[in-house]
């Protein structure tokens, strides 16, 4: 083979390789990053249950709480009628974790100060598709009920879907069931706690560096296990967001959106179509929530402080969690208002 032919073959190879690389990046109109993101969606593992978190910010006044008590139970009953539903927990924000002054304008108790206030409502499902199906088949009824509450909404709703990475959650009991603890001890259960209806729910937001998900998940698990001996600690869940429900977020086709603004709830859009499919809204970088429960918000504050003042737990948290973050942690405190706790036995 001549020297000139060798140069031509080499140039031809480089040209073909460049065309192939460019074509791979343009297939289906998707850049490489989005192709990789789609592959990540396909790799998500199964979860014992899936959690839809309907998030909104509402005005903090008596009218809002009156509406919540009036409409909330009807929404819960409607949701519970659908196949695949396994439970719910409705929470209202009571404060934040100031993190040693990092969020110095906040306090553990801000029930009267926060306005707007976060309204976080979990629903639990055997599969995330069951939740999507619920919103499609019960759209008219849910739209009517939610339309009654729009006068208190400042932001939202937005309804991310989560799978459970790791969970250790106790059953909810009253003081009249304290003897059940003895049964737990006799059966040598690994995790025994007494979670009362007046407990504090802490929700911590974390945005993780792409590619560091597994390291973060292990570090978060190690941190929560280290905190599990803290006074007042009741349990935890590590949740990874896998998408967003469009209809649950009122993200409909433009025609339906316009129709929704022409009624107070009595005349739902005729044929609403979601603007996107749930898995298409998987966030990148990845988003996680760490849900934990405590006897009281003060106990939660003391427990979380250990990631700063306890040498062993600080090392676990620094190396396992903080090193892998792009945003967070930001910890909010909530009080459960209503709950159907049957889902707990499915994940513990």
C-alpha atoms as a PDB file:
ATOM      1  CA  UNK A   1       0.000   0.000   0.000  1.00  0.00           C
ATOM      2  CA  UNK A   2       1.403   3.432  -1.012  1.00  0.00           C
ATOM      3  CA  UNK A   3       2.004   6.281   1.418  1.00  0.00           C
ATOM      4  CA  UNK A   4      -0.622   8.461  -0.340  1.00  0.00           C
ATOM      5  CA  UNK A   5      -3.209   5.686  -0.138  1.00  0.00           C
ATOM      6  CA  UNK A   6      -2.479   5.249   3.561  1.00  0.00           C
ATOM      7  CA  UNK A   7      -3.109   8.990   4.150  1.00  0.00           C
ATOM      8  CA  UNK A   8      -6.360   8.849   2.176  1.00  0.00           C
ATOM      9  CA  UNK A   9      -7.571   5.802   4.099  1.00  0.00           C
ATOM     10  CA  UNK A  10      -6.765   7.517   7.365  1.00  0.00           C
ATOM     11  CA  UNK A  11      -8.594  10.696   6.305  1.00  0.00           C
ATOM     12  CA  UNK A  12     -11.553   8.598   5.139  1.00  0.00           C
ATOM     13  CA  UNK A  13     -11.667   6.779   8.479  1.00  0.00           C
ATOM     14  CA  UNK A  14     -11.589  10.025  10.467  1.00  0.00           C
ATOM     15  CA  UNK A  15     -14.312  11.559   8.252  1.00  0.00           C
ATOM     16  CA  UNK A  16     -16.566   8.503   8.636  1.00  0.00           C
ATOM     17  CA  UNK A  17     -15.977   8.378  12.385  1.00  0.00           C
ATOM     18  CA  UNK A  18     -16.932  12.063  12.691  1.00  0.00           C
ATOM     19  CA  UNK A  19     -20.080  11.542  10.639  1.00  0.00           C
ATOM     20  CA  UNK A  20     -21.021   8.528  12.755  1.00  0.00           C
ATOM     21  CA  UNK A  21     -20.491  10.439  15.991  1.00  0.00           C
ATOM     22  CA  UNK A  22     -22.523  13.389  14.724  1.00  0.00           C
ATOM     23  CA  UNK A  23     -25.283  11.118  13.513  1.00  0.00           C
ATOM     24  CA  UNK A  24     -25.473   9.344  16.866  1.00  0.00           C
ATOM     25  CA  UNK A  25     -25.903  12.705  18.582  1.00  0.00           C
ATOM     26  CA  UNK A  26     -28.700  13.742  16.220  1.00  0.00           C
ATOM     27  CA  UNK A  27     -30.727  10.528  16.030  1.00  0.00           C
ATOM     28  CA  UNK A  28     -34.309  11.340  16.930  1.00  0.00           C
ATOM     29  CA  UNK A  29     -33.332  14.966  17.535  1.00  0.00           C
ATOM     30  CA  UNK A  30     -31.769  14.031  20.888  1.00  0.00           C
ATOM     31  CA  UNK A  31     -28.315  15.293  21.925  1.00  0.00           C
ATOM     32  CA  UNK A  32     -26.035  12.795  23.623  1.00  0.00           C
ATOM     33  CA  UNK A  33     -26.859  14.049  27.126  1.00  0.00           C
ATOM     34  CA  UNK A  34     -30.561  13.398  26.581  1.00  0.00           C
ATOM     35  CA  UNK A  35     -29.856   9.941  25.158  1.00  0.00           C
ATOM     36  CA  UNK A  36     -27.841   9.139  28.277  1.00  0.00           C
ATOM     37  CA  UNK A  37     -30.676  10.540  30.415  1.00  0.00           C
ATOM     38  CA  UNK A  38     -33.164   8.271  28.621  1.00  0.00           C
ATOM     39  CA  UNK A  39     -30.933   5.275  29.309  1.00  0.00           C
ATOM     40  CA  UNK A  40     -30.838   6.265  32.991  1.00  0.00           C
ATOM     41  CA  UNK A  41     -34.648   6.199  33.079  1.00  0.00           C
ATOM     42  CA  UNK A  42     -34.620   2.679  31.682  1.00  0.00           C
ATOM     43  CA  UNK A  43     -32.158   1.536  34.374  1.00  0.00           C
ATOM     44  CA  UNK A  44     -34.290   2.610  37.347  1.00  0.00           C
ATOM     45  CA  UNK A  45     -34.940  -0.357  39.612  1.00  0.00           C
ATOM     46  CA  UNK A  46     -38.320  -1.404  40.966  1.00  0.00           C
ATOM     47  CA  UNK A  47     -39.644  -0.044  44.248  1.00  0.00           C
ATOM     48  CA  UNK A  48     -41.844  -1.764  46.874  1.00  0.00           C
ATOM     49  CA  UNK A  49     -44.277   1.123  46.435  1.00  0.00           C
ATOM     50  CA  UNK A  50     -44.179   4.448  44.589  1.00  0.00           C
ATOM     51  CA  UNK A  51     -44.882   7.845  46.116  1.00  0.00           C
ATOM     52  CA  UNK A  52     -46.559  10.822  44.458  1.00  0.00           C
ATOM     53  CA  UNK A  53     -45.880  14.075  46.297  1.00  0.00           C
ATOM     54  CA  UNK A  54     -48.355  16.824  45.463  1.00  0.00           C
ATOM     55  CA  UNK A  55     -46.602  20.060  46.403  1.00  0.00           C
ATOM     56  CA  UNK A  56     -48.123  23.515  46.655  1.00  0.00           C
ATOM     57  CA  UNK A  57     -47.686  26.762  48.536  1.00  0.00           C
ATOM     58  CA  UNK A  58     -50.865  28.205  50.018  1.00  0.00           C
ATOM     59  CA  UNK A  59     -51.882  31.288  51.953  1.00  0.00           C
ATOM     60  CA  UNK A  60     -51.453  30.820  55.685  1.00  0.00           C
ATOM     61  CA  UNK A  61     -54.795  31.940  57.075  1.00  0.00           C
ATOM     62  CA  UNK A  62     -57.986  30.539  58.595  1.00  0.00           C
ATOM     63  CA  UNK A  63     -59.766  30.309  55.244  1.00  0.00           C
ATOM     64  CA  UNK A  64     -57.054  28.017  53.865  1.00  0.00           C
ATOM     65  CA  UNK A  65     -57.270  25.629  56.796  1.00  0.00           C
ATOM     66  CA  UNK A  66     -61.062  25.640  56.585  1.00  0.00           C
ATOM     67  CA  UNK A  67     -60.850  24.664  52.917  1.00  0.00           C
ATOM     68  CA  UNK A  68     -58.286  21.954  53.648  1.00  0.00           C
ATOM     69  CA  UNK A  69     -60.571  20.392  56.236  1.00  0.00           C
ATOM     70  CA  UNK A  70     -63.581  20.653  53.939  1.00  0.00           C
ATOM     71  CA  UNK A  71     -62.064  19.456  50.653  1.00  0.00           C
ATOM     72  CA  UNK A  72     -59.137  17.303  51.843  1.00  0.00           C
ATOM     73  CA  UNK A  73     -61.170  14.325  53.108  1.00  0.00           C
ATOM     74  CA  UNK A  74     -63.154  14.201  49.843  1.00  0.00           C
ATOM     75  CA  UNK A  75     -59.965  14.125  47.784  1.00  0.00           C
ATOM     76  CA  UNK A  76     -58.594  11.355  50.005  1.00  0.00           C
ATOM     77  CA  UNK A  77     -61.768   9.264  49.653  1.00  0.00           C
ATOM     78  CA  UNK A  78     -61.773   9.756  45.890  1.00  0.00           C
ATOM     79  CA  UNK A  79     -58.119   8.746  45.629  1.00  0.00           C
ATOM     80  CA  UNK A  80     -58.594   5.688  47.831  1.00  0.00           C
ATOM     81  CA  UNK A  81     -61.234   4.254  45.486  1.00  0.00           C
ATOM     82  CA  UNK A  82     -58.711   3.715  42.682  1.00  0.00           C
ATOM     83  CA  UNK A  83     -56.896   0.378  42.174  1.00  0.00           C
ATOM     84  CA  UNK A  84     -53.262   0.424  43.268  1.00  0.00           C
ATOM     85  CA  UNK A  85     -53.735   2.988  46.041  1.00  0.00           C
ATOM     86  CA  UNK A  86     -52.066   1.853  49.303  1.00  0.00           C
ATOM     87  CA  UNK A  87     -52.089   4.947  51.555  1.00  0.00           C
ATOM     88  CA  UNK A  88     -51.474   8.658  52.003  1.00  0.00           C
ATOM     89  CA  UNK A  89     -50.003  11.261  54.329  1.00  0.00           C
ATOM     90  CA  UNK A  90     -51.029  14.944  54.214  1.00  0.00           C
ATOM     91  CA  UNK A  91     -48.554  17.395  55.775  1.00  0.00           C
ATOM     92  CA  UNK A  92     -48.502  21.119  56.475  1.00  0.00           C
ATOM     93  CA  UNK A  93     -45.233  22.978  57.048  1.00  0.00           C
ATOM     94  CA  UNK A  94     -44.425  24.178  60.560  1.00  0.00           C
ATOM     95  CA  UNK A  95     -40.847  25.444  60.178  1.00  0.00           C
ATOM     96  CA  UNK A  96     -37.327  24.699  58.953  1.00  0.00           C
ATOM     97  CA  UNK A  97     -33.960  23.544  60.272  1.00  0.00           C
ATOM     98  CA  UNK A  98     -31.869  26.760  60.474  1.00  0.00           C
ATOM     99  CA  UNK A  99     -28.618  24.766  60.031  1.00  0.00           C
ATOM    100  CA  UNK A 100     -26.544  26.721  62.559  1.00  0.00           C
ATOM    101  CA  UNK A 101     -27.573  30.034  61.018  1.00  0.00           C
ATOM    102  CA  UNK A 102     -27.062  29.086  57.360  1.00  0.00           C
ATOM    103  CA  UNK A 103     -30.789  29.810  57.084  1.00  0.00           C
ATOM    104  CA  UNK A 104     -30.786  32.254  59.956  1.00  0.00           C
ATOM    105  CA  UNK A 105     -34.101  33.854  59.046  1.00  0.00           C
ATOM    106  CA  UNK A 106     -35.902  30.592  59.752  1.00  0.00           C
ATOM    107  CA  UNK A 107     -36.952  28.847  62.941  1.00  0.00           C
ATOM    108  CA  UNK A 108     -38.041  25.397  64.030  1.00  0.00           C
ATOM    109  CA  UNK A 109     -41.538  26.768  64.746  1.00  0.00           C
ATOM    110  CA  UNK A 110     -42.918  29.194  62.153  1.00  0.00           C
ATOM    111  CA  UNK A 111     -46.575  28.183  62.145  1.00  0.00           C
ATOM    112  CA  UNK A 112     -47.708  31.817  62.227  1.00  0.00           C
ATOM    113  CA  UNK A 113     -44.753  33.385  60.414  1.00  0.00           C
ATOM    114  CA  UNK A 114     -44.627  31.425  57.158  1.00  0.00           C
ATOM    115  CA  UNK A 115     -46.798  32.884  54.408  1.00  0.00           C
ATOM    116  CA  UNK A 116     -47.183  31.230  51.985  1.00  0.00           C
ATOM    117  CA  UNK A 117     -46.882  27.854  53.666  1.00  0.00           C
ATOM    118  CA  UNK A 118     -46.018  24.521  52.046  1.00  0.00           C
ATOM    119  CA  UNK A 119     -48.762  21.917  51.700  1.00  0.00           C
ATOM    120  CA  UNK A 120     -47.180  18.509  50.897  1.00  0.00           C
ATOM    121  CA  UNK A 121     -49.492  15.566  50.256  1.00  0.00           C
ATOM    122  CA  UNK A 122     -48.092  12.080  49.717  1.00  0.00           C
ATOM    123  CA  UNK A 123     -50.122   9.343  48.058  1.00  0.00           C
ATOM    124  CA  UNK A 124     -48.667   5.826  47.919  1.00  0.00           C
ATOM    125  CA  UNK A 125     -49.181   3.380  45.032  1.00  0.00           C
ATOM    126  CA  UNK A 126     -48.274  -0.152  44.003  1.00  0.00           C
ATOM    127  CA  UNK A 127     -47.017   1.281  40.688  1.00  0.00           C
ATOM    128  CA  UNK A 128     -46.550   4.822  39.417  1.00  0.00           C
ATOM    129  CA  UNK A 129     -48.729   3.887  36.426  1.00  0.00           C
ATOM    130  CA  UNK A 130     -51.640   3.350  38.869  1.00  0.00           C
ATOM    131  CA  UNK A 131     -51.280   6.972  39.942  1.00  0.00           C
ATOM    132  CA  UNK A 132     -51.249   8.218  36.329  1.00  0.00           C
ATOM    133  CA  UNK A 133     -54.319   6.113  35.605  1.00  0.00           C
ATOM    134  CA  UNK A 134     -56.084   7.623  38.619  1.00  0.00           C
ATOM    135  CA  UNK A 135     -55.588  11.160  37.338  1.00  0.00           C
ATOM    136  CA  UNK A 136     -56.826  10.220  33.877  1.00  0.00           C
ATOM    137  CA  UNK A 137     -59.957   8.367  35.006  1.00  0.00           C
ATOM    138  CA  UNK A 138     -60.856  10.588  37.966  1.00  0.00           C
ATOM    139  CA  UNK A 139     -59.892  13.870  36.339  1.00  0.00           C
ATOM    140  CA  UNK A 140     -63.356  15.457  36.415  1.00  0.00           C
ATOM    141  CA  UNK A 141     -63.933  14.746  40.100  1.00  0.00           C
ATOM    142  CA  UNK A 142     -60.430  15.793  41.174  1.00  0.00           C
ATOM    143  CA  UNK A 143     -60.640  18.956  39.048  1.00  0.00           C
ATOM    144  CA  UNK A 144     -63.932  19.912  40.693  1.00  0.00           C
ATOM    145  CA  UNK A 145     -62.563  19.339  44.207  1.00  0.00           C
ATOM    146  CA  UNK A 146     -59.241  21.071  43.569  1.00  0.00           C
ATOM    147  CA  UNK A 147     -61.030  23.959  41.880  1.00  0.00           C
ATOM    148  CA  UNK A 148     -62.581  24.737  45.266  1.00  0.00           C
ATOM    149  CA  UNK A 149     -59.081  25.322  46.674  1.00  0.00           C
ATOM    150  CA  UNK A 150     -57.490  27.507  44.007  1.00  0.00           C
ATOM    151  CA  UNK A 151     -58.339  30.656  45.953  1.00  0.00           C
ATOM    152  CA  UNK A 152     -55.656  29.722  48.508  1.00  0.00           C
ATOM    153  CA  UNK A 153     -52.939  28.572  46.064  1.00  0.00           C
ATOM    154  CA  UNK A 154     -49.853  30.758  45.630  1.00  0.00           C
ATOM    155  CA  UNK A 155     -47.740  28.186  43.758  1.00  0.00           C
ATOM    156  CA  UNK A 156     -48.387  24.703  42.367  1.00  0.00           C
ATOM    157  CA  UNK A 157     -49.555  22.077  42.267  1.00  0.00           C
ATOM    158  CA  UNK A 158     -46.463  20.189  41.173  1.00  0.00           C
ATOM    159  CA  UNK A 159     -46.490  16.398  41.602  1.00  0.00           C
ATOM    160  CA  UNK A 160     -43.146  14.570  41.396  1.00  0.00           C
ATOM    161  CA  UNK A 161     -43.074  10.765  41.539  1.00  0.00           C
ATOM    162  CA  UNK A 162     -40.522   8.928  43.686  1.00  0.00           C
ATOM    163  CA  UNK A 163     -39.239   5.422  44.113  1.00  0.00           C
ATOM    164  CA  UNK A 164     -37.971   4.229  47.484  1.00  0.00           C
ATOM    165  CA  UNK A 165     -34.208   3.665  47.646  1.00  0.00           C
ATOM    166  CA  UNK A 166     -34.167   2.651  51.309  1.00  0.00           C
ATOM    167  CA  UNK A 167     -36.760   2.807  54.075  1.00  0.00           C
ATOM    168  CA  UNK A 168     -37.146   1.969  57.734  1.00  0.00           C
ATOM    169  CA  UNK A 169     -40.540   3.157  58.916  1.00  0.00           C
ATOM    170  CA  UNK A 170     -42.520   2.102  62.009  1.00  0.00           C
ATOM    171  CA  UNK A 171     -46.294   1.676  62.305  1.00  0.00           C
ATOM    172  CA  UNK A 172     -48.304   4.572  63.727  1.00  0.00           C
ATOM    173  CA  UNK A 173     -49.668   3.795  67.198  1.00  0.00           C
ATOM    174  CA  UNK A 174     -51.495   5.511  70.016  1.00  0.00           C
ATOM    175  CA  UNK A 175     -50.674   5.252  73.703  1.00  0.00           C
ATOM    176  CA  UNK A 176     -53.438   2.667  73.958  1.00  0.00           C
ATOM    177  CA  UNK A 177     -51.330   0.340  71.798  1.00  0.00           C
ATOM    178  CA  UNK A 178     -48.168   0.543  73.862  1.00  0.00           C
ATOM    179  CA  UNK A 179     -48.414  -3.175  74.579  1.00  0.00           C
ATOM    180  CA  UNK A 180     -47.676  -3.772  70.893  1.00  0.00           C
ATOM    181  CA  UNK A 181     -44.106  -2.707  71.588  1.00  0.00           C
ATOM    182  CA  UNK A 182     -43.754  -5.748  73.813  1.00  0.00           C
ATOM    183  CA  UNK A 183     -44.911  -7.937  70.943  1.00  0.00           C
ATOM    184  CA  UNK A 184     -42.318  -6.325  68.663  1.00  0.00           C
ATOM    185  CA  UNK A 185     -39.588  -7.030  71.204  1.00  0.00           C
ATOM    186  CA  UNK A 186     -40.714 -10.622  71.664  1.00  0.00           C
ATOM    187  CA  UNK A 187     -40.594 -11.146  67.904  1.00  0.00           C
ATOM    188  CA  UNK A 188     -37.094  -9.593  67.919  1.00  0.00           C
ATOM    189  CA  UNK A 189     -37.964  -7.056  65.253  1.00  0.00           C
ATOM    190  CA  UNK A 190     -34.937  -5.093  64.063  1.00  0.00           C
ATOM    191  CA  UNK A 191     -36.509  -1.637  64.320  1.00  0.00           C
ATOM    192  CA  UNK A 192     -38.954  -0.884  67.140  1.00  0.00           C
ATOM    193  CA  UNK A 193     -40.433   2.591  67.499  1.00  0.00           C
ATOM    194  CA  UNK A 194     -43.594   4.226  68.831  1.00  0.00           C
ATOM    195  CA  UNK A 195     -44.755   6.754  66.223  1.00  0.00           C
ATOM    196  CA  UNK A 196     -47.631   8.928  67.446  1.00  0.00           C
ATOM    197  CA  UNK A 197     -50.055  10.934  65.272  1.00  0.00           C
ATOM    198  CA  UNK A 198     -48.527  14.224  66.553  1.00  0.00           C
ATOM    199  CA  UNK A 199     -45.004  13.480  65.342  1.00  0.00           C
ATOM    200  CA  UNK A 200     -42.812  15.782  63.216  1.00  0.00           C
ATOM    201  CA  UNK A 201     -42.038  14.950  59.592  1.00  0.00           C
ATOM    202  CA  UNK A 202     -38.721  16.300  58.267  1.00  0.00           C
ATOM    203  CA  UNK A 203     -38.208  16.521  54.501  1.00  0.00           C
ATOM    204  CA  UNK A 204     -34.686  17.221  53.230  1.00  0.00           C
ATOM    205  CA  UNK A 205     -34.017  18.229  49.611  1.00  0.00           C
ATOM    206  CA  UNK A 206     -30.821  17.113  47.861  1.00  0.00           C
ATOM    207  CA  UNK A 207     -29.608  17.626  44.273  1.00  0.00           C
ATOM    208  CA  UNK A 208     -26.843  15.135  43.444  1.00  0.00           C
ATOM    209  CA  UNK A 209     -23.969  15.280  40.956  1.00  0.00           C
ATOM    210  CA  UNK A 210     -24.702  13.125  37.879  1.00  0.00           C
ATOM    211  CA  UNK A 211     -22.902   9.801  38.162  1.00  0.00           C
ATOM    212  CA  UNK A 212     -22.684  10.009  41.967  1.00  0.00           C
ATOM    213  CA  UNK A 213     -26.130   8.565  42.668  1.00  0.00           C
ATOM    214  CA  UNK A 214     -24.977   5.235  44.105  1.00  0.00           C
ATOM    215  CA  UNK A 215     -22.351   6.854  46.298  1.00  0.00           C
ATOM    216  CA  UNK A 216     -24.901   9.363  47.582  1.00  0.00           C
ATOM    217  CA  UNK A 217     -27.518   6.674  48.237  1.00  0.00           C
ATOM    218  CA  UNK A 218     -25.047   4.649  50.279  1.00  0.00           C
ATOM    219  CA  UNK A 219     -23.860   7.730  52.156  1.00  0.00           C
ATOM    220  CA  UNK A 220     -27.400   8.881  52.886  1.00  0.00           C
ATOM    221  CA  UNK A 221     -28.312   5.406  54.151  1.00  0.00           C
ATOM    222  CA  UNK A 222     -25.225   5.290  56.376  1.00  0.00           C
ATOM    223  CA  UNK A 223     -26.024   8.761  57.735  1.00  0.00           C
ATOM    224  CA  UNK A 224     -29.645   7.933  58.567  1.00  0.00           C
ATOM    225  CA  UNK A 225     -28.608   4.665  60.188  1.00  0.00           C
ATOM    226  CA  UNK A 226     -26.094   6.607  62.286  1.00  0.00           C
ATOM    227  CA  UNK A 227     -28.852   9.049  63.305  1.00  0.00           C
ATOM    228  CA  UNK A 228     -31.310   6.267  64.107  1.00  0.00           C
ATOM    229  CA  UNK A 229     -30.126   6.041  67.712  1.00  0.00           C
ATOM    230  CA  UNK A 230     -30.899   9.728  68.298  1.00  0.00           C
ATOM    231  CA  UNK A 231     -33.465  10.615  70.923  1.00  0.00           C
ATOM    232  CA  UNK A 232     -36.889  10.928  69.320  1.00  0.00           C
ATOM    233  CA  UNK A 233     -35.908   9.349  65.967  1.00  0.00           C
ATOM    234  CA  UNK A 234     -38.779   7.326  64.490  1.00  0.00           C
ATOM    235  CA  UNK A 235     -37.807   6.306  60.954  1.00  0.00           C
ATOM    236  CA  UNK A 236     -36.711   7.374  57.490  1.00  0.00           C
ATOM    237  CA  UNK A 237     -37.149   6.959  53.730  1.00  0.00           C
ATOM    238  CA  UNK A 238     -34.665   7.865  51.001  1.00  0.00           C
ATOM    239  CA  UNK A 239     -36.656   8.813  47.885  1.00  0.00           C
ATOM    240  CA  UNK A 240     -35.365   9.313  44.340  1.00  0.00           C
ATOM    241  CA  UNK A 241     -37.456  11.323  41.888  1.00  0.00           C
ATOM    242  CA  UNK A 242     -38.241   9.354  38.718  1.00  0.00           C
ATOM    243  CA  UNK A 243     -40.588  11.799  37.003  1.00  0.00           C
ATOM    244  CA  UNK A 244     -43.543  14.152  37.363  1.00  0.00           C
ATOM    245  CA  UNK A 245     -47.253  13.494  36.835  1.00  0.00           C
ATOM    246  CA  UNK A 246     -48.466  16.067  34.287  1.00  0.00           C
ATOM    247  CA  UNK A 247     -52.194  15.904  35.080  1.00  0.00           C
ATOM    248  CA  UNK A 248     -51.481  15.909  38.821  1.00  0.00           C
ATOM    249  CA  UNK A 249     -49.540  19.119  38.196  1.00  0.00           C
ATOM    250  CA  UNK A 250     -52.340  20.611  36.025  1.00  0.00           C
ATOM    251  CA  UNK A 251     -49.958  20.606  33.053  1.00  0.00           C
ATOM    252  CA  UNK A 252     -52.421  20.017  30.186  1.00  0.00           C
ATOM    253  CA  UNK A 253     -52.600  20.795  26.486  1.00  0.00           C
ATOM    254  CA  UNK A 254     -53.103  24.538  25.766  1.00  0.00           C
ATOM    255  CA  UNK A 255     -56.790  24.174  24.882  1.00  0.00           C
ATOM    256  CA  UNK A 256     -57.547  22.392  28.159  1.00  0.00           C
ATOM    257  CA  UNK A 257     -55.500  24.918  30.130  1.00  0.00           C
ATOM    258  CA  UNK A 258     -57.611  27.721  28.676  1.00  0.00           C
ATOM    259  CA  UNK A 259     -60.829  25.824  29.463  1.00  0.00           C
ATOM    260  CA  UNK A 260     -59.686  25.283  33.056  1.00  0.00           C
ATOM    261  CA  UNK A 261     -59.509  29.058  33.533  1.00  0.00           C
ATOM    262  CA  UNK A 262     -63.124  29.513  32.417  1.00  0.00           C
ATOM    263  CA  UNK A 263     -64.687  27.692  35.358  1.00  0.00           C
ATOM    264  CA  UNK A 264     -64.564  27.420  39.152  1.00  0.00           C
ATOM    265  CA  UNK A 265     -64.473  23.628  38.916  1.00  0.00           C
ATOM    266  CA  UNK A 266     -67.975  22.707  37.772  1.00  0.00           C
ATOM    267  CA  UNK A 267     -67.008  22.446  34.076  1.00  0.00           C
ATOM    268  CA  UNK A 268     -63.752  20.490  33.671  1.00  0.00           C
ATOM    269  CA  UNK A 269     -61.874  20.537  30.341  1.00  0.00           C
ATOM    270  CA  UNK A 270     -63.542  18.147  27.883  1.00  0.00           C
ATOM    271  CA  UNK A 271     -60.585  16.045  26.773  1.00  0.00           C
ATOM    272  CA  UNK A 272     -57.463  16.986  28.776  1.00  0.00           C
ATOM    273  CA  UNK A 273     -54.181  15.608  27.487  1.00  0.00           C
ATOM    274  CA  UNK A 274     -51.023  15.594  29.623  1.00  0.00           C
ATOM    275  CA  UNK A 275     -48.222  17.731  28.211  1.00  0.00           C
ATOM    276  CA  UNK A 276     -45.637  15.025  28.905  1.00  0.00           C
ATOM    277  CA  UNK A 277     -45.282  11.454  30.128  1.00  0.00           C
ATOM    278  CA  UNK A 278     -44.235  10.904  33.731  1.00  0.00           C
ATOM    279  CA  UNK A 279     -40.759   9.402  33.051  1.00  0.00           C
ATOM    280  CA  UNK A 280     -39.932  12.217  30.605  1.00  0.00           C
ATOM    281  CA  UNK A 281     -39.784  14.588  33.575  1.00  0.00           C
ATOM    282  CA  UNK A 282     -37.071  12.692  35.449  1.00  0.00           C
ATOM    283  CA  UNK A 283     -34.792  15.510  36.625  1.00  0.00           C
ATOM    284  CA  UNK A 284     -31.160  15.884  35.650  1.00  0.00           C
ATOM    285  CA  UNK A 285     -29.156  16.396  37.830  1.00  0.00           C
ATOM    286  CA  UNK A 286     -30.953  13.779  39.974  1.00  0.00           C
ATOM    287  CA  UNK A 287     -33.188  14.921  42.832  1.00  0.00           C
ATOM    288  CA  UNK A 288     -33.655  13.125  46.156  1.00  0.00           C
ATOM    289  CA  UNK A 289     -35.801  13.654  49.253  1.00  0.00           C
ATOM    290  CA  UNK A 290     -34.914  12.224  52.630  1.00  0.00           C
ATOM    291  CA  UNK A 291     -38.077  11.822  54.689  1.00  0.00           C
ATOM    292  CA  UNK A 292     -37.623  11.260  58.409  1.00  0.00           C
ATOM    293  CA  UNK A 293     -39.986  11.268  61.381  1.00  0.00           C
ATOM    294  CA  UNK A 294     -39.337  12.386  64.948  1.00  0.00           C
ATOM    295  CA  UNK A 295     -41.200  12.667  68.226  1.00  0.00           C
ATOM    296  CA  UNK A 296     -41.082  16.466  67.924  1.00  0.00           C
ATOM    297  CA  UNK A 297     -39.423  19.160  65.827  1.00  0.00           C
ATOM    298  CA  UNK A 298     -37.060  19.950  68.707  1.00  0.00           C
ATOM    299  CA  UNK A 299     -35.900  16.314  68.689  1.00  0.00           C
ATOM    300  CA  UNK A 300     -35.315  16.543  64.940  1.00  0.00           C
ATOM    301  CA  UNK A 301     -33.199  19.674  65.414  1.00  0.00           C
ATOM    302  CA  UNK A 302     -31.035  17.934  68.022  1.00  0.00           C
ATOM    303  CA  UNK A 303     -30.682  14.855  65.849  1.00  0.00           C
ATOM    304  CA  UNK A 304     -29.687  16.649  62.647  1.00  0.00           C
ATOM    305  CA  UNK A 305     -27.159  18.735  64.593  1.00  0.00           C
ATOM    306  CA  UNK A 306     -25.091  15.570  64.990  1.00  0.00           C
ATOM    307  CA  UNK A 307     -23.884  15.854  61.380  1.00  0.00           C
ATOM    308  CA  UNK A 308     -22.047  18.987  62.552  1.00  0.00           C
ATOM    309  CA  UNK A 309     -20.912  18.223  66.129  1.00  0.00           C
ATOM    310  CA  UNK A 310     -20.541  14.442  66.346  1.00  0.00           C
ATOM    311  CA  UNK A 311     -17.136  13.515  64.841  1.00  0.00           C
ATOM    312  CA  UNK A 312     -18.133  10.040  63.658  1.00  0.00           C
ATOM    313  CA  UNK A 313     -21.474  11.054  62.128  1.00  0.00           C
ATOM    314  CA  UNK A 314     -19.983  14.212  60.619  1.00  0.00           C
ATOM    315  CA  UNK A 315     -17.364  12.122  58.795  1.00  0.00           C
ATOM    316  CA  UNK A 316     -20.062   9.765  57.466  1.00  0.00           C
ATOM    317  CA  UNK A 317     -22.207  12.696  56.298  1.00  0.00           C
ATOM    318  CA  UNK A 318     -19.343  14.765  54.870  1.00  0.00           C
ATOM    319  CA  UNK A 319     -17.856  11.932  52.814  1.00  0.00           C
ATOM    320  CA  UNK A 320     -21.046  10.084  51.960  1.00  0.00           C
ATOM    321  CA  UNK A 321     -23.475  12.958  51.324  1.00  0.00           C
ATOM    322  CA  UNK A 322     -21.939  16.435  51.141  1.00  0.00           C
ATOM    323  CA  UNK A 323     -19.181  15.500  48.670  1.00  0.00           C
ATOM    324  CA  UNK A 324     -21.777  14.386  46.122  1.00  0.00           C
ATOM    325  CA  UNK A 325     -24.163  17.361  46.252  1.00  0.00           C
ATOM    326  CA  UNK A 326     -24.903  20.185  43.852  1.00  0.00           C
ATOM    327  CA  UNK A 327     -27.594  21.678  46.113  1.00  0.00           C
ATOM    328  CA  UNK A 328     -28.720  21.083  49.681  1.00  0.00           C
ATOM    329  CA  UNK A 329     -29.397  19.825  52.176  1.00  0.00           C
ATOM    330  CA  UNK A 330     -32.403  22.008  52.935  1.00  0.00           C
ATOM    331  CA  UNK A 331     -34.594  20.576  55.700  1.00  0.00           C
ATOM    332  CA  UNK A 332     -38.243  21.517  56.275  1.00  0.00           C
ATOM    333  CA  UNK A 333     -40.440  20.488  59.202  1.00  0.00           C
ATOM    334  CA  UNK A 334     -44.065  19.419  58.759  1.00  0.00           C
ATOM    335  CA  UNK A 335     -46.954  18.199  60.885  1.00  0.00           C
ATOM    336  CA  UNK A 336     -49.113  15.340  59.544  1.00  0.00           C
ATOM    337  CA  UNK A 337     -52.765  16.380  59.285  1.00  0.00           C
ATOM    338  CA  UNK A 338     -54.227  13.109  57.955  1.00  0.00           C
ATOM    339  CA  UNK A 339     -52.818   9.694  57.164  1.00  0.00           C
ATOM    340  CA  UNK A 340     -53.774   6.187  56.103  1.00  0.00           C
ATOM    341  CA  UNK A 341     -50.669   4.341  57.321  1.00  0.00           C
ATOM    342  CA  UNK A 342     -51.161   0.883  55.782  1.00  0.00           C
ATOM    343  CA  UNK A 343     -48.313   1.593  53.341  1.00  0.00           C
ATOM    344  CA  UNK A 344     -45.766   1.430  56.157  1.00  0.00           C
ATOM    345  CA  UNK A 345     -45.988  -2.350  56.491  1.00  0.00           C
ATOM    346  CA  UNK A 346     -45.179  -2.666  52.771  1.00  0.00           C
ATOM    347  CA  UNK A 347     -41.747  -1.039  53.035  1.00  0.00           C
ATOM    348  CA  UNK A 348     -40.395  -1.950  56.477  1.00  0.00           C
END
